């Protein structure tokens, strides 16, 4: 069974950067698609970024983060990263990652039910 642990969250000023990590502490990244989601208080959960399980590592991004966030993976380290640059106050949320070996690359990836998810890490961006 896949278990995920996120890290790298914190508090930064507007314009700052953070790199989130999603480590597979049980199971392996290989063969799993991974998505990053975020949820701010009183708001719906959003799918932020996705990377497919295939060798071509197809990626998708929420429009609001395109050009600022980059998802990547290191299969040898069993870790997926979310590099977040030019952070804005509206990026403030709890971010969590989710994984599933059945999910294929699709622009509607955020509607899929992922089998595993982590506990989340808080990101706070001050103005």
Foldseek 3Di string as FASTA:
>chain_A
DWAWAKDWADEEAQQAKIKMKIATPDDFLQLKKKWKWWDDPPDDIDTAKIFFNDPVRDMEGDPVQPPFWDWDDDRVRRMIMIIGGRHDQVVWTWMKMAIANPDGDDNVSVPDDGPYMYPTDTHGYHD
